[in-house]
């Protein structure tokens, strides 16, 4: 996981598998990196090769935590199989799912 701040937005780059082991390993650090700064966040999923239910839960719960602080989170760059899972679980109902970083940034700034 890589994180940085740019123009008042937290950027997080995830890679690998967001399965049971991967999501558990990232959970505390990811949540702290996204929610604690109390600012909008965009999450780059282009390096994520697989996502399971715990990975989806991690995205939902982190977005919910950020929402409680009146900030938004969006994800972008998901590959075909990961995008299919996000569509199947209707992630976009809570978290904007964008194709590009530019679109994700626009979604968290509204």
C-alpha atoms as a PDB file:
ATOM      1  CA  UNK A   1       0.000   0.000   0.000  1.00  0.00           C
ATOM      2  CA  UNK A   2       1.249   3.431  -0.936  1.00  0.00           C
ATOM      3  CA  UNK A   3      -0.364   6.633   0.342  1.00  0.00           C
ATOM      4  CA  UNK A   4       0.191  10.300  -0.346  1.00  0.00           C
ATOM      5  CA  UNK A   5      -1.698  13.596  -0.144  1.00  0.00           C
ATOM      6  CA  UNK A   6      -2.176  15.873  -3.118  1.00  0.00           C
ATOM      7  CA  UNK A   7      -4.389  18.958  -3.350  1.00  0.00           C
ATOM      8  CA  UNK A   8      -6.232  18.095  -0.133  1.00  0.00           C
ATOM      9  CA  UNK A   9      -7.074  14.543  -1.206  1.00  0.00           C
ATOM     10  CA  UNK A  10      -5.630  11.340   0.210  1.00  0.00           C
ATOM     11  CA  UNK A  11      -4.445   8.984  -2.533  1.00  0.00           C
ATOM     12  CA  UNK A  12      -4.039   5.282  -1.774  1.00  0.00           C
ATOM     13  CA  UNK A  13      -2.570   2.745  -4.187  1.00  0.00           C
ATOM     14  CA  UNK A  14      -3.432  -0.890  -3.463  1.00  0.00           C
ATOM     15  CA  UNK A  15      -1.941  -3.938  -5.134  1.00  0.00           C
ATOM     16  CA  UNK A  16      -2.108  -7.707  -4.930  1.00  0.00           C
ATOM     17  CA  UNK A  17      -4.997  -9.756  -3.631  1.00  0.00           C
ATOM     18  CA  UNK A  18      -7.725  -8.370  -1.382  1.00  0.00           C
ATOM     19  CA  UNK A  19      -8.675 -11.802  -0.132  1.00  0.00           C
ATOM     20  CA  UNK A  20      -8.847 -12.895   3.507  1.00  0.00           C
ATOM     21  CA  UNK A  21      -5.104 -12.632   4.067  1.00  0.00           C
ATOM     22  CA  UNK A  22      -4.609  -9.462   2.022  1.00  0.00           C
ATOM     23  CA  UNK A  23      -7.565  -7.550   3.466  1.00  0.00           C
ATOM     24  CA  UNK A  24      -6.691  -8.549   7.021  1.00  0.00           C
ATOM     25  CA  UNK A  25      -3.104  -7.413   6.526  1.00  0.00           C
ATOM     26  CA  UNK A  26      -4.206  -4.025   5.135  1.00  0.00           C
ATOM     27  CA  UNK A  27      -7.232  -3.309   7.300  1.00  0.00           C
ATOM     28  CA  UNK A  28      -5.783  -1.213  10.127  1.00  0.00           C
ATOM     29  CA  UNK A  29      -3.263   0.680   7.998  1.00  0.00           C
ATOM     30  CA  UNK A  30      -5.724   1.322   5.176  1.00  0.00           C
ATOM     31  CA  UNK A  31      -8.464   2.556   7.492  1.00  0.00           C
ATOM     32  CA  UNK A  32      -6.040   4.826   9.360  1.00  0.00           C
ATOM     33  CA  UNK A  33      -4.601   6.219   6.117  1.00  0.00           C
ATOM     34  CA  UNK A  34      -8.032   7.011   4.682  1.00  0.00           C
ATOM     35  CA  UNK A  35     -10.201   7.990   7.658  1.00  0.00           C
ATOM     36  CA  UNK A  36      -7.775   9.652  10.083  1.00  0.00           C
ATOM     37  CA  UNK A  37      -6.761  12.588   7.846  1.00  0.00           C
ATOM     38  CA  UNK A  38     -10.457  13.525   7.600  1.00  0.00           C
ATOM     39  CA  UNK A  39     -10.280  14.533   3.951  1.00  0.00           C
ATOM     40  CA  UNK A  40     -11.582  13.069   0.677  1.00  0.00           C
ATOM     41  CA  UNK A  41      -9.787   9.962  -0.584  1.00  0.00           C
ATOM     42  CA  UNK A  42      -9.307   8.144  -3.871  1.00  0.00           C
ATOM     43  CA  UNK A  43      -8.169   4.533  -4.012  1.00  0.00           C
ATOM     44  CA  UNK A  44      -6.294   3.160  -7.022  1.00  0.00           C
ATOM     45  CA  UNK A  45      -7.271  -0.482  -7.561  1.00  0.00           C
ATOM     46  CA  UNK A  46      -5.374  -0.956 -10.828  1.00  0.00           C
ATOM     47  CA  UNK A  47      -2.832  -3.203  -9.104  1.00  0.00           C
ATOM     48  CA  UNK A  48      -5.443  -5.352  -7.347  1.00  0.00           C
ATOM     49  CA  UNK A  49      -5.662  -8.731  -9.066  1.00  0.00           C
ATOM     50  CA  UNK A  50      -8.418 -10.319  -6.953  1.00  0.00           C
ATOM     51  CA  UNK A  51     -11.015  -9.135  -4.464  1.00  0.00           C
ATOM     52  CA  UNK A  52     -13.048 -11.308  -2.094  1.00  0.00           C
ATOM     53  CA  UNK A  53     -15.797 -10.466   0.376  1.00  0.00           C
ATOM     54  CA  UNK A  54     -13.366  -9.236   3.047  1.00  0.00           C
ATOM     55  CA  UNK A  55     -11.788  -6.859   0.536  1.00  0.00           C
ATOM     56  CA  UNK A  56     -15.213  -5.513  -0.400  1.00  0.00           C
ATOM     57  CA  UNK A  57     -16.072  -5.152   3.301  1.00  0.00           C
ATOM     58  CA  UNK A  58     -12.848  -3.226   3.834  1.00  0.00           C
ATOM     59  CA  UNK A  59     -13.810  -0.739   1.112  1.00  0.00           C
ATOM     60  CA  UNK A  60     -17.406  -0.417   2.415  1.00  0.00           C
ATOM     61  CA  UNK A  61     -16.441   0.048   6.054  1.00  0.00           C
ATOM     62  CA  UNK A  62     -13.675   2.534   5.318  1.00  0.00           C
ATOM     63  CA  UNK A  63     -15.950   4.600   3.077  1.00  0.00           C
ATOM     64  CA  UNK A  64     -18.618   4.537   5.783  1.00  0.00           C
ATOM     65  CA  UNK A  65     -16.099   5.741   8.379  1.00  0.00           C
ATOM     66  CA  UNK A  66     -15.016   8.576   6.126  1.00  0.00           C
ATOM     67  CA  UNK A  67     -18.641   9.468   5.381  1.00  0.00           C
ATOM     68  CA  UNK A  68     -19.283   9.889   9.111  1.00  0.00           C
ATOM     69  CA  UNK A  69     -16.639  12.624   8.960  1.00  0.00           C
ATOM     70  CA  UNK A  70     -18.429  14.284   6.024  1.00  0.00           C
ATOM     71  CA  UNK A  71     -15.831  13.274   3.450  1.00  0.00           C
ATOM     72  CA  UNK A  72     -16.064  10.945   0.467  1.00  0.00           C
ATOM     73  CA  UNK A  73     -14.017   8.072  -0.891  1.00  0.00           C
ATOM     74  CA  UNK A  74     -13.965   6.845  -4.491  1.00  0.00           C
ATOM     75  CA  UNK A  75     -12.176   3.936  -6.135  1.00  0.00           C
ATOM     76  CA  UNK A  76     -10.822   3.749  -9.664  1.00  0.00           C
ATOM     77  CA  UNK A  77      -8.835   1.623 -12.064  1.00  0.00           C
ATOM     78  CA  UNK A  78     -10.287  -1.793 -11.200  1.00  0.00           C
ATOM     79  CA  UNK A  79      -9.380  -4.514 -13.718  1.00  0.00           C
ATOM     80  CA  UNK A  80     -12.075  -6.677 -15.363  1.00  0.00           C
ATOM     81  CA  UNK A  81     -12.545  -9.399 -12.718  1.00  0.00           C
ATOM     82  CA  UNK A  82     -12.253  -6.948  -9.811  1.00  0.00           C
ATOM     83  CA  UNK A  83     -14.645  -4.534 -11.534  1.00  0.00           C
ATOM     84  CA  UNK A  84     -17.108  -7.409 -12.042  1.00  0.00           C
ATOM     85  CA  UNK A  85     -17.109  -8.143  -8.304  1.00  0.00           C
ATOM     86  CA  UNK A  86     -17.588  -4.453  -7.450  1.00  0.00           C
ATOM     87  CA  UNK A  87     -20.520  -4.302  -9.882  1.00  0.00           C
ATOM     88  CA  UNK A  88     -22.036  -7.525  -8.503  1.00  0.00           C
ATOM     89  CA  UNK A  89     -22.015  -6.246  -4.910  1.00  0.00           C
ATOM     90  CA  UNK A  90     -23.225  -2.785  -5.987  1.00  0.00           C
ATOM     91  CA  UNK A  91     -20.287  -0.996  -4.380  1.00  0.00           C
ATOM     92  CA  UNK A  92     -21.165   2.097  -6.406  1.00  0.00           C
ATOM     93  CA  UNK A  93     -24.277   2.603  -4.262  1.00  0.00           C
ATOM     94  CA  UNK A  94     -22.006   3.704  -1.397  1.00  0.00           C
ATOM     95  CA  UNK A  95     -18.636   4.363  -3.002  1.00  0.00           C
ATOM     96  CA  UNK A  96     -18.212   5.973  -6.416  1.00  0.00           C
ATOM     97  CA  UNK A  97     -16.472   3.533  -8.769  1.00  0.00           C
ATOM     98  CA  UNK A  98     -14.637   5.487 -11.462  1.00  0.00           C
ATOM     99  CA  UNK A  99     -12.641   4.469 -14.491  1.00  0.00           C
ATOM    100  CA  UNK A 100      -9.924   7.103 -14.079  1.00  0.00           C
ATOM    101  CA  UNK A 101      -8.218   8.978 -11.277  1.00  0.00           C
ATOM    102  CA  UNK A 102      -9.564  12.238 -12.703  1.00  0.00           C
ATOM    103  CA  UNK A 103     -13.147  10.926 -12.479  1.00  0.00           C
ATOM    104  CA  UNK A 104     -12.562   9.635  -8.935  1.00  0.00           C
ATOM    105  CA  UNK A 105     -11.236  13.024  -7.835  1.00  0.00           C
ATOM    106  CA  UNK A 106     -14.267  14.748  -9.348  1.00  0.00           C
ATOM    107  CA  UNK A 107     -16.561  12.321  -7.478  1.00  0.00           C
ATOM    108  CA  UNK A 108     -15.077  13.105  -4.060  1.00  0.00           C
ATOM    109  CA  UNK A 109     -15.074  16.860  -4.582  1.00  0.00           C
ATOM    110  CA  UNK A 110     -18.845  17.227  -5.052  1.00  0.00           C
END
